Amino acid sequence: MTATSITYVRRGELQNFFMDFPNNKELTLDFATLAPEERGGTAKKFLAASAVSCFCSALSGALLARGAEYSEIRGSASVETGLDDKKRARVQKIILHVEVVMSDDFEDVFERCKKIMEPGCLITASLEPGIRVEHKVRLIHE
């Protein structure tokens, strides 16, 4: 089993996340210039970022392992929230929209990799069944 560690420190309106990347160890959020009503949703945004980053990275790996070349992978994630049966706020669904920009020459490989990715990636598969995750993946022809 492998473990990843992230350290969080908050000092007033500064939030720092310390990670074990060799070249980019710190992410800082500064809420000092934001109105209080604009500060919410940080955790949902990080959850969405983790899901889309993981999915796109896994898709990239699948494509490259099969010799496909692409010029760009872009993704977005939306998070839907609601209340559970105990009236607690919960993330209920994440929808990933992913586009791969590549030549028609690799369309067959793209379709195979899209099928391979149907069960999701490490993060999205780990969230289910508690959080439904939809993957909407499409090819953009160069």
C-alpha atoms as a PDB file:
ATOM      1  CA  MET A   1       0.000   0.000   0.000  1.00  0.00           C
ATOM      2  CA  THR A   2       1.269   3.483  -0.849  1.00  0.00           C
ATOM      3  CA  ALA A   3       0.423   6.676   0.969  1.00  0.00           C
ATOM      4  CA  THR A   4       0.403  10.290  -0.080  1.00  0.00           C
ATOM      5  CA  SER A   5       0.690  13.088   2.418  1.00  0.00           C
ATOM      6  CA  ILE A   6      -0.510  16.662   2.162  1.00  0.00           C
ATOM      7  CA  THR A   7      -0.196  19.201   4.961  1.00  0.00           C
ATOM      8  CA  TYR A   8      -2.694  22.044   5.372  1.00  0.00           C
ATOM      9  CA  VAL A   9      -1.959  25.248   7.296  1.00  0.00           C
ATOM     10  CA  ARG A  10      -4.302  28.209   7.689  1.00  0.00           C
ATOM     11  CA  ARG A  11      -3.131  31.600   8.930  1.00  0.00           C
ATOM     12  CA  GLY A  12      -5.952  34.109   8.803  1.00  0.00           C
ATOM     13  CA  GLU A  13      -7.130  34.266   5.198  1.00  0.00           C
ATOM     14  CA  LEU A  14      -4.105  32.411   3.795  1.00  0.00           C
ATOM     15  CA  GLN A  15      -4.493  28.692   3.215  1.00  0.00           C
ATOM     16  CA  ASN A  16      -1.394  26.686   2.334  1.00  0.00           C
ATOM     17  CA  PHE A  17      -1.253  23.133   1.040  1.00  0.00           C
ATOM     18  CA  PHE A  18       2.169  21.495   1.214  1.00  0.00           C
ATOM     19  CA  MET A  19       2.718  18.554  -1.144  1.00  0.00           C
ATOM     20  CA  ASP A  20       5.569  16.246  -2.002  1.00  0.00           C
ATOM     21  CA  PHE A  21       6.151  17.447  -5.567  1.00  0.00           C
ATOM     22  CA  PRO A  22       9.878  17.978  -6.171  1.00  0.00           C
ATOM     23  CA  ASN A  23       9.452  21.240  -8.095  1.00  0.00           C
ATOM     24  CA  ASN A  24       6.184  22.687  -6.735  1.00  0.00           C
ATOM     25  CA  LYS A  25       5.767  21.943  -3.062  1.00  0.00           C
ATOM     26  CA  GLU A  26       3.242  24.579  -2.048  1.00  0.00           C
ATOM     27  CA  LEU A  27      -0.157  25.795  -3.185  1.00  0.00           C
ATOM     28  CA  THR A  28      -1.425  28.981  -1.539  1.00  0.00           C
ATOM     29  CA  LEU A  29      -4.955  30.352  -1.528  1.00  0.00           C
ATOM     30  CA  ASP A  30      -5.362  33.942  -0.375  1.00  0.00           C
ATOM     31  CA  PHE A  31      -8.943  34.858   0.463  1.00  0.00           C
ATOM     32  CA  ALA A  32      -8.081  38.320   1.831  1.00  0.00           C
ATOM     33  CA  THR A  33      -9.405  40.104  -1.249  1.00  0.00           C
ATOM     34  CA  LEU A  34     -12.554  37.982  -1.616  1.00  0.00           C
ATOM     35  CA  ALA A  35     -15.905  38.896  -0.180  1.00  0.00           C
ATOM     36  CA  PRO A  36     -17.131  36.328   2.392  1.00  0.00           C
ATOM     37  CA  GLU A  37     -19.835  35.047   0.015  1.00  0.00           C
ATOM     38  CA  GLU A  38     -17.158  34.283  -2.615  1.00  0.00           C
ATOM     39  CA  ARG A  39     -15.013  32.111  -0.327  1.00  0.00           C
ATOM     40  CA  GLY A  40     -17.135  28.973  -0.159  1.00  0.00           C
ATOM     41  CA  GLY A  41     -16.790  25.797  -2.129  1.00  0.00           C
ATOM     42  CA  THR A  42     -13.030  25.339  -1.887  1.00  0.00           C
ATOM     43  CA  ALA A  43     -13.257  21.670  -0.897  1.00  0.00           C
ATOM     44  CA  LYS A  44     -15.722  20.928  -3.735  1.00  0.00           C
ATOM     45  CA  LYS A  45     -13.378  22.623  -6.186  1.00  0.00           C
ATOM     46  CA  PHE A  46     -10.422  20.533  -4.984  1.00  0.00           C
ATOM     47  CA  LEU A  47     -12.497  17.364  -5.219  1.00  0.00           C
ATOM     48  CA  ALA A  48     -13.475  18.264  -8.793  1.00  0.00           C
ATOM     49  CA  ALA A  49      -9.871  19.163  -9.649  1.00  0.00           C
ATOM     50  CA  SER A  50      -8.625  15.842  -8.256  1.00  0.00           C
ATOM     51  CA  ALA A  51     -11.202  13.884 -10.232  1.00  0.00           C
ATOM     52  CA  VAL A  52     -10.585  15.597 -13.572  1.00  0.00           C
ATOM     53  CA  SER A  53      -6.810  15.623 -13.155  1.00  0.00           C
ATOM     54  CA  CYS A  54      -6.689  11.919 -12.315  1.00  0.00           C
ATOM     55  CA  PHE A  55      -9.047  10.930 -15.122  1.00  0.00           C
ATOM     56  CA  CYS A  56      -7.202  12.979 -17.754  1.00  0.00           C
ATOM     57  CA  SER A  57      -3.827  11.633 -16.593  1.00  0.00           C
ATOM     58  CA  ALA A  58      -5.042   8.033 -16.759  1.00  0.00           C
ATOM     59  CA  LEU A  59      -6.561   8.611 -20.201  1.00  0.00           C
ATOM     60  CA  SER A  60      -3.315  10.185 -21.391  1.00  0.00           C
ATOM     61  CA  GLY A  61      -1.369   7.181 -20.134  1.00  0.00           C
ATOM     62  CA  ALA A  62      -3.732   4.764 -21.894  1.00  0.00           C
ATOM     63  CA  LEU A  63      -3.422   6.660 -25.175  1.00  0.00           C
ATOM     64  CA  LEU A  64       0.365   6.979 -25.028  1.00  0.00           C
ATOM     65  CA  ALA A  65       0.812   3.302 -24.061  1.00  0.00           C
ATOM     66  CA  ARG A  66      -0.975   2.385 -27.297  1.00  0.00           C
ATOM     67  CA  GLY A  67       1.090   4.716 -29.471  1.00  0.00           C
ATOM     68  CA  ALA A  68      -1.517   7.435 -29.924  1.00  0.00           C
ATOM     69  CA  GLU A  69      -0.385  11.028 -30.152  1.00  0.00           C
ATOM     70  CA  TYR A  70      -2.565  13.921 -29.098  1.00  0.00           C
ATOM     71  CA  SER A  71      -2.006  17.646 -29.024  1.00  0.00           C
ATOM     72  CA  GLU A  72      -4.202  18.393 -26.032  1.00  0.00           C
ATOM     73  CA  ILE A  73      -6.423  16.857 -23.400  1.00  0.00           C
ATOM     74  CA  ARG A  74      -8.744  19.258 -21.651  1.00  0.00           C
ATOM     75  CA  GLY A  75     -11.277  18.535 -18.994  1.00  0.00           C
ATOM     76  CA  SER A  76     -13.764  20.171 -16.712  1.00  0.00           C
ATOM     77  CA  ALA A  77     -15.734  18.885 -13.775  1.00  0.00           C
ATOM     78  CA  SER A  78     -19.017  19.971 -12.276  1.00  0.00           C
ATOM     79  CA  VAL A  79     -20.123  18.983  -8.805  1.00  0.00           C
ATOM     80  CA  GLU A  80     -23.757  18.523  -7.823  1.00  0.00           C
ATOM     81  CA  THR A  81     -24.685  18.682  -4.159  1.00  0.00           C
ATOM     82  CA  GLY A  82     -27.802  17.889  -2.196  1.00  0.00           C
ATOM     83  CA  LEU A  83     -28.986  16.499   1.116  1.00  0.00           C
ATOM     84  CA  ASP A  84     -28.813  12.888   2.244  1.00  0.00           C
ATOM     85  CA  ASP A  85     -31.543  11.076   4.171  1.00  0.00           C
ATOM     86  CA  LYS A  86     -30.289  12.707   7.420  1.00  0.00           C
ATOM     87  CA  LYS A  87     -30.476  16.189   5.839  1.00  0.00           C
ATOM     88  CA  ARG A  88     -26.683  16.564   5.683  1.00  0.00           C
ATOM     89  CA  ALA A  89     -25.126  18.365   2.734  1.00  0.00           C
ATOM     90  CA  ARG A  90     -23.347  15.893   0.451  1.00  0.00           C
ATOM     91  CA  VAL A  91     -21.637  15.772  -2.906  1.00  0.00           C
ATOM     92  CA  GLN A  92     -23.976  13.565  -4.889  1.00  0.00           C
ATOM     93  CA  LYS A  93     -22.579  13.630  -8.397  1.00  0.00           C
ATOM     94  CA  ILE A  94     -19.512  14.681 -10.370  1.00  0.00           C
ATOM     95  CA  ILE A  95     -19.689  15.072 -14.125  1.00  0.00           C
ATOM     96  CA  LEU A  96     -16.429  15.056 -16.056  1.00  0.00           C
ATOM     97  CA  HIS A  97     -16.286  16.521 -19.553  1.00  0.00           C
ATOM     98  CA  VAL A  98     -13.077  15.503 -21.301  1.00  0.00           C
ATOM     99  CA  GLU A  99     -11.931  16.330 -24.824  1.00  0.00           C
ATOM    100  CA  VAL A 100      -8.929  14.860 -26.599  1.00  0.00           C
ATOM    101  CA  VAL A 101      -7.562  16.787 -29.555  1.00  0.00           C
ATOM    102  CA  MET A 102      -5.874  14.402 -31.984  1.00  0.00           C
ATOM    103  CA  SER A 103      -5.539  13.318 -35.570  1.00  0.00           C
ATOM    104  CA  ASP A 104      -8.119  11.043 -37.199  1.00  0.00           C
ATOM    105  CA  ASP A 105      -5.263   8.527 -37.550  1.00  0.00           C
ATOM    106  CA  PHE A 106      -5.685   7.578 -33.889  1.00  0.00           C
ATOM    107  CA  GLU A 107      -9.488   7.450 -33.717  1.00  0.00           C
ATOM    108  CA  ASP A 108      -9.544   3.653 -33.235  1.00  0.00           C
ATOM    109  CA  VAL A 109      -7.065   3.910 -30.356  1.00  0.00           C
ATOM    110  CA  PHE A 110      -9.111   6.733 -28.853  1.00  0.00           C
ATOM    111  CA  GLU A 111     -12.275   4.605 -28.936  1.00  0.00           C
ATOM    112  CA  ARG A 112     -10.477   1.676 -27.268  1.00  0.00           C
ATOM    113  CA  CYS A 113      -9.071   3.930 -24.553  1.00  0.00           C
ATOM    114  CA  LYS A 114     -12.433   5.577 -24.003  1.00  0.00           C
ATOM    115  CA  LYS A 115     -13.869   2.110 -23.339  1.00  0.00           C
ATOM    116  CA  ILE A 116     -10.950   1.237 -21.036  1.00  0.00           C
ATOM    117  CA  MET A 117     -11.681   4.393 -19.004  1.00  0.00           C
ATOM    118  CA  GLU A 118     -15.396   3.623 -18.477  1.00  0.00           C
ATOM    119  CA  PRO A 119     -14.792   2.265 -14.947  1.00  0.00           C
ATOM    120  CA  GLY A 120     -12.961   5.505 -14.116  1.00  0.00           C
ATOM    121  CA  CYS A 121      -9.574   6.253 -12.638  1.00  0.00           C
ATOM    122  CA  LEU A 122      -8.149   5.912  -9.129  1.00  0.00           C
ATOM    123  CA  ILE A 123     -10.025   8.919  -7.734  1.00  0.00           C
ATOM    124  CA  THR A 124     -13.358   8.578  -9.544  1.00  0.00           C
ATOM    125  CA  ALA A 125     -13.587   4.826  -8.938  1.00  0.00           C
ATOM    126  CA  SER A 126     -12.756   5.403  -5.267  1.00  0.00           C
ATOM    127  CA  LEU A 127     -15.641   7.855  -4.916  1.00  0.00           C
ATOM    128  CA  GLU A 128     -18.280   5.453  -6.187  1.00  0.00           C
ATOM    129  CA  PRO A 129     -20.806   4.231  -5.105  1.00  0.00           C
ATOM    130  CA  GLY A 130     -21.109   7.060  -2.538  1.00  0.00           C
ATOM    131  CA  ILE A 131     -20.769   9.712  -5.239  1.00  0.00           C
ATOM    132  CA  ARG A 132     -21.986   9.057  -8.759  1.00  0.00           C
ATOM    133  CA  VAL A 133     -19.445   9.980 -11.410  1.00  0.00           C
ATOM    134  CA  GLU A 134     -20.225  10.472 -15.094  1.00  0.00           C
ATOM    135  CA  HIS A 135     -17.477  10.557 -17.715  1.00  0.00           C
ATOM    136  CA  LYS A 136     -18.272  12.351 -20.955  1.00  0.00           C
ATOM    137  CA  VAL A 137     -15.288  11.837 -23.225  1.00  0.00           C
ATOM    138  CA  ARG A 138     -15.108  12.985 -26.820  1.00  0.00           C
ATOM    139  CA  LEU A 139     -12.625  13.277 -29.633  1.00  0.00           C
ATOM    140  CA  ILE A 140     -11.883  16.625 -31.271  1.00  0.00           C
ATOM    141  CA  HIS A 141     -10.304  16.161 -34.701  1.00  0.00           C
ATOM    142  CA  GLU A 142      -7.238  18.237 -35.500  1.00  0.00           C
END
